[in-house]
N, C-alpha and C. Protein backbone atom coordinates (compact mmCIF):
# COMPACT_ATOMS: atom_id res chain seq x y z
N MET A 1 27.80 75.06 164.55
CA MET A 1 28.88 74.40 164.97
C MET A 1 29.56 72.97 164.38
N ASN A 2 28.56 72.46 163.45
CA ASN A 2 28.61 71.45 162.73
C ASN A 2 30.22 72.18 161.99
N LYS A 3 30.17 72.73 161.39
CA LYS A 3 31.37 73.51 160.75
C LYS A 3 32.92 73.75 161.26
N CYS A 4 32.61 74.38 162.53
CA CYS A 4 33.60 74.30 163.51
C CYS A 4 33.81 73.15 163.86
N SER A 5 33.56 71.70 164.32
CA SER A 5 33.84 70.40 164.42
C SER A 5 34.43 69.89 163.14
N ARG A 6 33.97 70.15 162.04
CA ARG A 6 35.05 69.73 161.21
C ARG A 6 36.52 70.25 160.95
N LEU A 7 36.02 71.44 160.94
CA LEU A 7 37.99 72.20 160.87
C LEU A 7 38.28 71.31 162.34
N LEU A 8 38.23 71.90 163.52
CA LEU A 8 39.00 70.70 164.30
C LEU A 8 39.45 70.00 164.12
N GLY A 9 38.41 69.47 163.51
CA GLY A 9 38.40 67.50 163.14
C GLY A 9 39.69 67.37 162.51
N TRP A 10 39.80 68.01 161.10
CA TRP A 10 40.68 68.17 160.16
C TRP A 10 41.99 68.57 160.98
N ARG A 11 42.32 69.57 161.82
CA ARG A 11 43.07 69.92 162.25
C ARG A 11 43.93 68.76 163.32
N ARG A 12 42.67 67.92 163.62
CA ARG A 12 43.69 67.36 164.07
C ARG A 12 44.53 65.62 163.62
N LEU A 13 43.24 65.89 162.06
CA LEU A 13 44.01 64.66 161.51
C LEU A 13 45.18 65.54 160.67
N ALA A 14 45.33 67.04 160.69
CA ALA A 14 46.41 67.69 160.11
C ALA A 14 47.64 67.44 160.82
N LEU A 15 47.45 67.25 162.24
CA LEU A 15 48.69 66.77 163.66
C LEU A 15 49.16 65.44 163.19
N GLY A 16 48.20 64.37 163.18
CA GLY A 16 48.01 63.42 163.09
C GLY A 16 49.12 63.12 162.14
N VAL A 17 48.66 63.35 160.73
CA VAL A 17 49.68 63.58 159.57
C VAL A 17 51.22 63.83 159.63
N ALA A 18 51.08 65.19 160.52
CA ALA A 18 52.49 65.59 160.20
C ALA A 18 53.15 64.84 161.48
N TYR A 19 52.69 64.31 162.31
CA TYR A 19 53.85 63.20 163.39
C TYR A 19 53.80 62.21 163.00
N CYS A 20 53.53 61.68 162.21
CA CYS A 20 53.49 59.98 161.44
C CYS A 20 54.80 60.69 160.32
N GLN A 21 54.76 61.98 160.02
CA GLN A 21 55.74 62.03 158.65
C GLN A 21 57.03 62.25 159.21
N THR A 22 56.57 62.69 160.52
CA THR A 22 58.05 63.48 161.04
C THR A 22 58.73 62.51 162.00
N LYS A 23 57.97 61.19 162.33
CA LYS A 23 58.34 59.99 162.97
C LYS A 23 59.68 59.27 161.94
N THR A 24 60.57 59.39 162.98
CA THR A 24 61.86 58.35 162.46
C THR A 24 62.49 57.51 162.96
N THR A 25 62.40 56.54 162.21
CA THR A 25 62.76 55.44 162.83
C THR A 25 64.46 54.60 162.33
N ASN A 26 65.05 53.89 162.44
CA ASN A 26 66.58 53.42 162.13
C ASN A 26 66.32 52.04 162.25
N PRO A 27 65.69 50.95 161.33
CA PRO A 27 65.88 49.76 161.14
C PRO A 27 67.21 48.87 161.46
N ASP A 28 68.42 49.68 161.18
CA ASP A 28 69.50 48.86 161.48
C ASP A 28 70.05 48.99 162.64
N LYS A 29 69.57 50.34 163.52
CA LYS A 29 70.41 50.51 165.12
C LYS A 29 69.13 50.02 165.67
N VAL A 30 69.06 48.96 166.31
CA VAL A 30 67.58 49.09 167.16
C VAL A 30 68.05 49.69 168.46
N LYS A 31 68.91 49.74 169.20
CA LYS A 31 69.60 50.14 170.43
C LYS A 31 69.19 51.22 170.45
N GLN A 32 69.70 52.34 169.25
CA GLN A 32 69.85 53.72 169.11
C GLN A 32 68.31 54.01 169.88
N PRO A 33 68.16 55.04 170.69
CA PRO A 33 67.17 55.84 171.21
C PRO A 33 66.33 56.76 169.88
N ARG A 34 65.26 56.60 170.46
CA ARG A 34 64.35 57.34 169.67
C ARG A 34 64.45 58.49 169.39
N GLU A 35 64.25 59.53 168.16
CA GLU A 35 64.20 60.66 168.39
C GLU A 35 62.97 61.09 168.61
N GLN A 36 62.77 62.31 169.52
CA GLN A 36 61.49 63.07 169.68
C GLN A 36 61.02 63.37 168.22
N PRO A 37 59.66 62.80 167.88
CA PRO A 37 58.95 63.61 166.55
C PRO A 37 58.62 65.11 166.99
N ILE A 38 58.61 65.73 165.77
CA ILE A 38 58.78 66.96 165.35
C ILE A 38 57.33 67.06 165.42
N VAL A 39 56.24 67.91 166.13
CA VAL A 39 54.98 68.13 166.00
C VAL A 39 54.26 69.88 165.34
N ILE A 40 54.03 69.38 164.36
CA ILE A 40 53.83 70.87 163.42
C ILE A 40 52.13 71.22 164.10
N GLU A 41 52.24 72.21 164.60
CA GLU A 41 50.60 72.61 165.07
C GLU A 41 50.50 73.98 163.85
N LEU A 42 49.11 73.69 163.49
CA LEU A 42 48.56 74.51 162.86
C LEU A 42 48.00 75.91 163.60
N ASN A 43 48.84 76.94 163.41
CA ASN A 43 48.88 78.21 164.17
C ASN A 43 47.20 78.73 163.65
N GLN A 44 46.28 78.42 162.47
CA GLN A 44 45.15 79.35 162.32
C GLN A 44 44.28 79.02 162.76
N ILE A 45 43.65 79.90 163.00
CA ILE A 45 42.26 80.07 164.13
C ILE A 45 40.85 79.20 163.09
N ALA A 46 40.21 78.67 163.75
CA ALA A 46 38.95 78.29 162.84
C ALA A 46 38.48 79.03 162.21
N GLU A 47 38.08 80.13 162.50
CA GLU A 47 37.43 81.32 161.62
C GLU A 47 37.95 81.35 160.87
N GLN A 48 39.80 81.68 160.62
CA GLN A 48 39.97 82.19 159.16
C GLN A 48 39.65 80.91 158.49
N LEU A 49 39.72 79.85 158.80
CA LEU A 49 39.70 78.72 157.63
C LEU A 49 38.13 78.70 156.53
N THR A 50 37.05 79.36 157.13
CA THR A 50 35.89 79.62 156.47
C THR A 50 36.32 79.80 155.13
N HIS A 51 34.97 79.68 154.23
CA HIS A 51 34.79 80.03 152.70
C HIS A 51 35.00 81.53 152.82
N LYS A 52 34.25 82.05 153.53
CA LYS A 52 33.85 83.51 153.78
C LYS A 52 35.17 84.27 153.78
N HIS A 53 35.94 83.82 154.67
CA HIS A 53 37.07 84.64 155.10
C HIS A 53 38.16 84.43 153.79
N LEU A 54 38.19 82.95 153.52
CA LEU A 54 39.07 83.10 152.37
C LEU A 54 39.12 83.54 151.24
N LEU A 55 37.27 83.78 150.71
CA LEU A 55 36.99 84.83 149.59
C LEU A 55 37.67 86.01 149.60
N GLN A 56 37.40 86.67 151.49
CA GLN A 56 37.68 87.58 151.78
C GLN A 56 39.37 87.82 151.13
N GLN A 57 39.96 87.06 151.79
CA GLN A 57 41.10 87.35 151.47
C GLN A 57 41.72 87.55 150.16
N THR A 58 41.05 86.71 149.14
CA THR A 58 41.80 86.23 147.73
C THR A 58 41.21 87.96 147.24
N CYS A 59 39.90 88.01 147.62
CA CYS A 59 39.34 89.43 147.03
C CYS A 59 40.53 90.88 147.10
N THR A 60 40.79 90.33 148.56
CA THR A 60 41.66 91.50 149.05
C THR A 60 42.98 91.41 148.04
N ILE A 61 43.53 90.32 147.78
CA ILE A 61 44.85 90.74 147.04
C ILE A 61 44.15 90.43 145.51
N SER A 62 43.17 90.43 144.58
CA SER A 62 43.08 90.39 143.50
C SER A 62 43.01 92.39 143.58
N VAL A 63 41.83 92.93 144.30
CA VAL A 63 41.76 94.39 144.39
C VAL A 63 42.99 95.11 144.82
N ASN A 64 44.11 94.49 145.40
CA ASN A 64 45.34 94.90 145.26
C ASN A 64 45.90 95.05 143.92
N CYS A 65 45.57 93.90 143.43
CA CYS A 65 46.65 94.06 142.00
C CYS A 65 46.23 94.70 140.65
N SER A 66 44.76 94.90 140.96
CA SER A 66 44.01 95.51 140.35
C SER A 66 44.07 97.12 140.45
N CYS A 67 44.45 97.56 141.87
CA CYS A 67 44.65 98.88 142.16
C CYS A 67 46.33 99.29 141.24
N GLN A 68 46.86 98.37 141.44
CA GLN A 68 48.30 99.13 141.13
C GLN A 68 48.25 98.58 139.38
N MET A 69 47.44 97.92 138.43
CA MET A 69 46.95 98.30 137.47
C MET A 69 46.21 99.55 136.96
N ILE A 70 45.35 99.71 137.88
CA ILE A 70 44.94 101.26 137.56
C ILE A 70 46.17 102.11 137.85
N THR A 71 47.13 102.15 138.88
CA THR A 71 47.77 103.09 138.93
C THR A 71 49.11 102.97 137.25
N ILE A 72 49.20 101.59 137.16
CA ILE A 72 50.65 101.55 135.87
C ILE A 72 49.72 102.44 135.10
N ALA A 73 48.49 101.95 134.70
CA ALA A 73 47.50 102.53 133.32
C ALA A 73 47.57 103.98 133.39
N LEU A 74 47.31 104.50 134.64
CA LEU A 74 47.29 106.11 134.23
C LEU A 74 48.13 106.75 134.68
N VAL A 75 49.34 106.09 134.78
CA VAL A 75 50.92 106.48 134.86
C VAL A 75 51.39 107.13 133.49
N ALA A 76 50.88 105.33 132.43
CA ALA A 76 50.79 105.24 131.21
C ALA A 76 50.18 106.20 130.40
N LEU A 77 49.17 106.83 131.07
CA LEU A 77 48.41 107.49 130.03
C LEU A 77 48.18 108.87 130.24
N ASN A 78 49.03 109.25 131.48
CA ASN A 78 49.15 110.90 131.81
C ASN A 78 50.42 111.05 130.98
N ASP A 79 51.41 110.15 130.92
CA ASP A 79 52.56 109.87 129.94
C ASP A 79 52.69 110.52 128.34
N ALA A 80 51.27 109.39 127.81
CA ALA A 80 50.60 109.37 126.49
C ALA A 80 50.23 110.63 125.96
N SER A 81 49.69 111.35 127.01
CA SER A 81 48.69 111.99 126.56
C SER A 81 49.50 113.69 126.56
N LYS A 82 50.38 113.77 127.61
CA LYS A 82 51.36 115.16 127.71
C LYS A 82 52.76 114.81 126.58
N LYS A 83 52.59 113.91 125.79
CA LYS A 83 53.78 113.74 124.72
C LYS A 83 52.36 114.22 123.66
N TYR A 84 51.34 113.71 123.56
CA TYR A 84 50.73 114.15 122.39
C TYR A 84 49.79 115.39 122.44
N LYS A 85 49.58 115.85 123.70
CA LYS A 85 49.39 117.26 124.09
C LYS A 85 50.72 118.28 123.37
N ASP A 86 52.06 117.63 123.95
CA ASP A 86 53.22 118.66 122.93
C ASP A 86 53.30 118.58 121.44
N SER A 87 52.59 117.45 121.05
CA SER A 87 52.80 117.04 119.70
C SER A 87 51.85 118.08 118.92
N LEU A 88 50.64 118.11 119.51
CA LEU A 88 49.56 119.02 119.12
C LEU A 88 49.58 120.82 119.56
N MET A 89 50.24 120.52 120.63
CA MET A 89 50.79 122.21 120.78
C MET A 89 51.76 122.42 119.54
N ARG A 90 52.88 122.09 119.41
CA ARG A 90 54.02 122.09 118.35
C ARG A 90 53.22 122.42 116.78
N CYS A 91 52.54 122.07 116.99
CA CYS A 91 51.62 121.94 115.03
C CYS A 91 50.96 123.67 115.33
N MET A 92 50.12 123.70 116.44
CA MET A 92 49.34 125.05 117.00
C MET A 92 50.64 126.15 116.95
N ASP A 93 51.28 125.74 117.31
CA ASP A 93 52.38 127.20 117.27
C ASP A 93 53.06 127.18 115.80
N LEU A 94 53.13 126.42 114.93
CA LEU A 94 53.58 126.70 113.58
C LEU A 94 52.15 127.31 113.15
N LEU A 95 51.03 126.95 113.40
CA LEU A 95 49.88 127.17 112.53
C LEU A 95 49.82 128.79 112.83
N GLU A 96 49.38 128.88 114.02
CA GLU A 96 49.04 130.40 114.76
C GLU A 96 49.43 131.62 114.16
N PRO A 97 51.08 131.46 114.33
CA PRO A 97 51.62 133.37 114.03
C PRO A 97 51.43 133.50 112.25
N ASN A 98 51.52 132.47 111.44
CA ASN A 98 51.56 132.44 110.10
C ASN A 98 50.57 132.71 109.24
N ASP A 99 50.42 133.92 108.77
CA ASP A 99 48.92 133.90 107.82
C ASP A 99 49.42 133.12 106.41
N LEU A 100 50.71 132.95 105.80
CA LEU A 100 51.47 132.55 104.68
C LEU A 100 51.74 131.26 104.84
N PHE A 101 51.27 130.43 103.78
CA PHE A 101 51.50 128.98 104.28
C PHE A 101 52.70 128.50 102.90
N ASN A 102 54.04 128.89 103.35
CA ASN A 102 54.84 128.80 102.37
C ASN A 102 55.03 127.33 102.35
N ASP A 103 56.45 127.00 101.62
CA ASP A 103 56.55 125.41 101.76
C ASP A 103 57.85 124.84 102.71
N LYS A 104 58.32 125.96 103.44
CA LYS A 104 58.74 125.61 104.76
C LYS A 104 57.92 125.28 105.84
N LEU A 105 57.18 126.05 106.18
CA LEU A 105 56.00 126.14 106.68
C LEU A 105 55.25 124.00 106.65
N GLU A 106 54.84 124.12 105.17
CA GLU A 106 54.12 122.95 104.71
C GLU A 106 54.90 121.79 104.97
N ASN A 107 56.40 121.94 104.74
CA ASN A 107 57.02 120.79 105.25
C ASN A 107 56.91 120.78 107.32
N ASP A 108 57.43 121.70 107.54
CA ASP A 108 57.41 121.55 109.18
C ASP A 108 56.06 121.35 109.93
N VAL A 109 54.69 121.49 109.03
CA VAL A 109 53.35 121.07 109.26
C VAL A 109 53.17 119.61 109.05
N LEU A 110 54.30 118.93 108.08
CA LEU A 110 53.84 117.71 107.48
C LEU A 110 54.61 116.89 108.78
N GLU A 111 55.86 117.04 108.95
CA GLU A 111 56.41 116.88 109.85
C GLU A 111 55.89 116.74 111.30
N SER A 112 55.19 117.01 111.87
CA SER A 112 54.94 117.73 112.98
C SER A 112 53.47 116.83 113.25
N ARG A 113 52.90 116.43 111.65
CA ARG A 113 51.79 115.76 111.83
C ARG A 113 51.73 114.19 111.74
N TYR A 114 52.87 114.03 111.43
CA TYR A 114 53.95 112.82 111.41
C TYR A 114 53.72 112.53 113.09
N ASP A 115 54.53 113.08 113.61
CA ASP A 115 54.81 112.61 115.46
C ASP A 115 53.13 113.03 116.28
N ILE A 116 52.39 113.88 115.28
CA ILE A 116 51.12 113.61 116.27
C ILE A 116 50.60 112.36 115.95
N ALA A 117 50.77 111.70 114.94
CA ALA A 117 50.33 110.61 114.71
C ALA A 117 50.59 109.56 115.35
N ASN A 118 52.38 109.14 115.54
CA ASN A 118 52.80 108.82 116.59
C ASN A 118 52.22 108.50 117.91
N ALA A 119 52.49 109.93 117.90
CA ALA A 119 51.79 110.04 119.72
C ALA A 119 50.29 109.66 120.46
N LYS A 120 49.51 110.37 119.39
CA LYS A 120 48.12 109.50 118.91
C LYS A 120 48.10 108.48 119.32
N SER A 121 48.90 107.38 118.56
CA SER A 121 48.73 105.74 118.98
C SER A 121 49.13 105.65 119.92
N PHE A 122 50.05 106.15 120.37
CA PHE A 122 50.46 106.02 122.02
C PHE A 122 49.80 106.12 122.78
N TYR A 123 48.71 106.79 122.60
CA TYR A 123 47.77 107.81 123.55
C TYR A 123 46.31 106.85 123.39
N LEU A 124 46.37 106.41 121.96
CA LEU A 124 44.58 105.25 122.51
C LEU A 124 45.32 104.09 122.78
N ASP A 125 46.82 103.56 122.79
CA ASP A 125 46.75 102.49 123.44
C ASP A 125 46.62 102.61 124.82
N SER A 126 47.02 103.46 125.42
CA SER A 126 47.33 103.83 126.84
C SER A 126 45.50 103.86 127.43
N ILE A 127 44.51 104.54 126.12
CA ILE A 127 42.72 104.81 126.82
C ILE A 127 42.60 103.04 126.92
N SER A 128 43.56 102.27 126.08
CA SER A 128 42.85 101.66 126.17
C SER A 128 43.12 100.06 127.14
N ALA A 129 44.12 100.64 127.33
CA ALA A 129 44.93 99.91 128.90
C ALA A 129 44.08 100.42 130.20
N MET A 130 43.87 101.60 130.05
CA MET A 130 42.80 102.32 130.64
C MET A 130 41.61 101.69 131.05
N ASP A 131 40.99 101.65 129.66
CA ASP A 131 39.55 101.18 130.07
C ASP A 131 39.71 99.53 130.27
N CYS A 132 40.59 98.60 130.00
CA CYS A 132 40.61 97.41 130.74
C CYS A 132 41.11 97.35 131.87
N ALA A 133 42.00 98.41 132.56
CA ALA A 133 42.08 98.10 134.03
C ALA A 133 41.05 98.71 134.89
N LEU A 134 40.40 99.86 134.31
CA LEU A 134 38.84 100.24 134.98
C LEU A 134 38.29 99.03 135.49
N GLN A 135 38.15 98.28 133.96
CA GLN A 135 37.26 96.88 133.93
C GLN A 135 37.25 96.00 135.09
N LEU A 136 38.96 95.55 134.61
CA LEU A 136 38.93 94.67 136.00
C LEU A 136 38.58 95.34 137.30
N GLY A 137 38.98 96.72 137.83
CA GLY A 137 38.25 97.31 139.10
C GLY A 137 36.90 97.39 139.46
N ARG A 138 36.29 97.23 138.16
CA ARG A 138 34.75 97.16 138.10
C ARG A 138 34.55 95.81 138.71
N SER A 139 35.34 94.70 138.31
CA SER A 139 34.47 93.59 138.25
C SER A 139 35.39 93.10 139.51
N ASN A 140 36.17 93.39 140.10
CA ASN A 140 36.68 93.36 141.54
C ASN A 140 35.82 94.27 142.71
N ALA A 141 35.61 95.10 142.58
CA ALA A 141 34.53 96.01 143.26
C ALA A 141 33.61 95.20 143.67
N LEU A 142 32.72 94.43 142.59
CA LEU A 142 31.38 93.99 142.85
C LEU A 142 31.74 92.70 143.26
N MET A 143 33.04 92.11 142.57
CA MET A 143 33.23 90.72 143.92
C MET A 143 33.32 91.20 145.46
N SER A 144 34.09 91.85 145.61
CA SER A 144 34.34 92.36 147.48
C SER A 144 32.77 92.68 147.92
N TYR A 145 31.95 93.40 146.71
CA TYR A 145 30.76 93.59 147.43
C TYR A 145 30.21 92.39 147.81
N THR A 146 30.04 91.28 146.81
CA THR A 146 29.17 90.43 147.06
C THR A 146 29.85 89.66 148.33
N VAL A 147 30.90 89.23 148.42
CA VAL A 147 31.31 88.79 149.70
C VAL A 147 31.29 89.43 150.64
N ALA A 148 31.44 90.52 150.84
CA ALA A 148 31.11 91.42 151.62
C ALA A 148 32.40 92.20 152.75
N ALA A 149 33.59 92.30 151.94
CA ALA A 149 34.55 92.41 151.82
C ALA A 149 34.83 94.16 152.26
N ASP A 150 33.96 94.58 153.19
CA ASP A 150 33.69 95.84 153.50
C ASP A 150 34.64 97.18 153.31
N THR A 151 35.69 96.91 153.65
CA THR A 151 37.20 97.55 153.52
C THR A 151 37.64 97.46 152.78
N VAL A 152 38.08 96.81 151.45
CA VAL A 152 38.36 96.50 150.17
C VAL A 152 36.92 97.15 149.53
N PHE A 153 36.07 97.02 149.75
CA PHE A 153 35.28 97.49 148.66
C PHE A 153 35.18 98.63 148.33
N ASN A 154 35.33 99.52 149.59
CA ASN A 154 35.64 101.09 149.91
C ASN A 154 36.51 101.39 149.20
N SER A 155 37.78 100.93 149.76
CA SER A 155 39.03 101.25 148.87
C SER A 155 38.81 101.32 147.56
N MET A 156 38.34 100.20 146.80
CA MET A 156 38.38 99.98 145.34
C MET A 156 37.14 100.96 144.83
N SER A 157 36.41 100.93 145.48
CA SER A 157 35.54 101.95 144.85
C SER A 157 36.10 103.92 144.73
N GLU A 158 36.68 104.06 145.65
CA GLU A 158 37.34 105.38 145.89
C GLU A 158 38.73 105.39 144.77
N LYS A 159 39.16 104.31 144.44
CA LYS A 159 40.71 104.62 143.88
C LYS A 159 39.67 104.34 141.77
N LEU A 160 38.89 103.82 142.26
CA LEU A 160 38.04 103.64 140.62
C LEU A 160 37.23 105.09 140.81
N TYR A 161 36.63 105.80 141.33
CA TYR A 161 36.02 107.19 141.36
C TYR A 161 37.50 108.35 141.04
N SER A 162 38.58 108.29 141.42
CA SER A 162 39.53 109.00 141.48
C SER A 162 40.11 108.58 139.81
N ALA A 163 40.36 107.35 139.54
CA ALA A 163 40.88 106.84 138.34
C ALA A 163 39.86 107.41 137.17
N GLU A 164 38.79 107.29 137.10
CA GLU A 164 38.10 107.50 136.19
C GLU A 164 37.55 109.27 135.92
N ARG A 165 38.04 109.75 137.05
CA ARG A 165 37.55 111.19 136.92
C ARG A 165 38.73 111.86 136.10
N GLU A 166 40.58 111.05 136.58
CA GLU A 166 41.42 112.01 136.27
C GLU A 166 41.23 111.43 134.35
N PHE A 167 40.74 110.19 134.21
CA PHE A 167 40.64 109.42 133.29
C PHE A 167 39.96 110.61 131.80
N GLN A 168 38.57 110.87 132.63
CA GLN A 168 38.03 111.72 132.13
C GLN A 168 38.44 113.41 131.75
N SER A 169 38.71 113.98 132.71
CA SER A 169 39.83 115.45 132.21
C SER A 169 40.56 115.11 131.30
N CYS A 170 41.04 114.00 131.69
CA CYS A 170 42.57 113.94 130.19
C CYS A 170 42.18 113.68 129.30
N THR A 171 41.09 112.98 128.64
CA THR A 171 40.59 112.94 127.55
C THR A 171 39.65 114.14 127.02
N GLU A 172 38.75 115.08 128.00
CA GLU A 172 38.03 116.12 127.74
C GLU A 172 39.54 116.87 127.19
N GLU A 173 40.36 117.63 127.62
CA GLU A 173 41.08 118.38 127.43
C GLU A 173 42.08 117.92 126.08
N ILE A 174 42.47 116.90 126.00
CA ILE A 174 42.89 116.49 124.86
C ILE A 174 42.10 116.54 123.52
N ARG A 175 40.85 116.30 123.33
CA ARG A 175 39.68 116.60 123.01
C ARG A 175 39.49 118.22 122.51
N LYS A 176 39.47 118.85 123.57
CA LYS A 176 39.60 120.45 123.06
C LYS A 176 40.83 120.76 122.08
N LEU A 177 41.95 119.98 122.92
CA LEU A 177 43.13 120.57 121.92
C LEU A 177 42.95 120.22 120.68
N GLU A 178 42.38 119.30 120.31
CA GLU A 178 42.33 118.41 118.68
C GLU A 178 41.00 120.09 117.88
N ASP A 179 40.04 119.58 119.07
CA ASP A 179 39.29 120.89 118.01
C ASP A 179 40.33 121.68 117.80
N LYS A 180 40.16 122.68 118.69
CA LYS A 180 41.68 123.64 118.29
C LYS A 180 41.90 123.39 117.05
N LEU A 181 43.52 122.26 116.62
CA LEU A 181 44.03 122.24 116.14
C LEU A 181 43.49 121.98 114.57
N THR A 182 42.14 121.13 114.96
CA THR A 182 40.78 120.91 113.79
C THR A 182 40.98 122.41 112.91
N LYS A 183 40.40 123.52 113.80
CA LYS A 183 39.79 124.82 113.66
C LYS A 183 40.89 125.51 112.93
N LEU A 184 42.39 125.02 113.45
CA LEU A 184 43.71 125.69 112.88
C LEU A 184 43.77 125.33 111.45
N LEU A 185 43.73 124.17 111.64
CA LEU A 185 44.41 123.93 109.76
C LEU A 185 43.34 123.95 109.01
N ALA A 186 41.85 124.27 109.37
CA ALA A 186 40.84 124.56 108.47
C ALA A 186 40.90 126.24 108.01
N ASP A 187 41.11 126.65 108.75
CA ASP A 187 41.32 128.71 109.10
C ASP A 187 42.41 128.31 107.96
N SER A 188 43.55 127.87 108.04
CA SER A 188 45.09 127.83 107.08
C SER A 188 44.76 127.36 105.96
N VAL A 189 43.81 126.38 105.73
CA VAL A 189 43.82 125.90 104.37
C VAL A 189 42.40 126.66 103.89
N ASN A 190 41.77 127.64 104.48
CA ASN A 190 40.55 128.57 103.83
C ASN A 190 41.65 129.84 103.59
N ILE A 191 42.27 130.09 104.66
CA ILE A 191 43.34 131.39 103.68
C ILE A 191 44.32 131.06 102.71
N SER A 192 44.70 129.87 102.70
CA SER A 192 45.28 129.60 100.96
C SER A 192 44.71 129.39 100.08
N LYS A 193 43.37 129.08 100.06
CA LYS A 193 42.74 128.59 99.14
C LYS A 193 42.36 129.86 98.29
N HIS A 194 42.00 131.35 99.57
CA HIS A 194 41.72 132.97 99.26
C HIS A 194 42.54 133.37 97.99
N GLU A 195 43.81 133.11 98.62
CA GLU A 195 45.24 133.77 98.36
C GLU A 195 45.20 132.93 96.78
N GLU A 196 45.02 132.13 96.59
CA GLU A 196 45.18 131.43 95.29
C GLU A 196 43.97 131.99 94.07
N ASN A 197 43.24 132.19 94.77
CA ASN A 197 42.34 132.60 93.52
C ASN A 197 43.08 134.47 93.53
């Protein structure tokens, strides 16, 4: 009750200040009728000015921003992983059908490895961005839980869950392709060593 009376007191004070600031007098023309002052009324409900409500609003804005960051990071990760997968697949296509390792194939594989290195760099940067976005999302979920913003907490938790699952599936798929390429490279090196002997 005490908080409510203080808020109403502040509201009256704000109305008074607004009244005083909008009151106009012209000392040069005394006979001119006074203009009616503009009264600004605060249309906020007293409950909306509580610390809890303001924290919940701040939390909602923060969660919205982190959801947008997670979405942007996921898009970047999907793009980077697609490029990295494509470069890995091109290199595997070069290695699979050929049992002989000639000079042209060696040059193509070296060029392909350069493309793989560039794509992997972009992929690792995207993973780093995704980690940061997920960390921000987790801290915002904790903040929304702390200030009892239940709807915001639920939406943030769902977003985190789906983003983490997509992140894990993407990295697992890349890891499998990297293992397959490593095996193909080892097999092609073993074949070329046996042919030299």
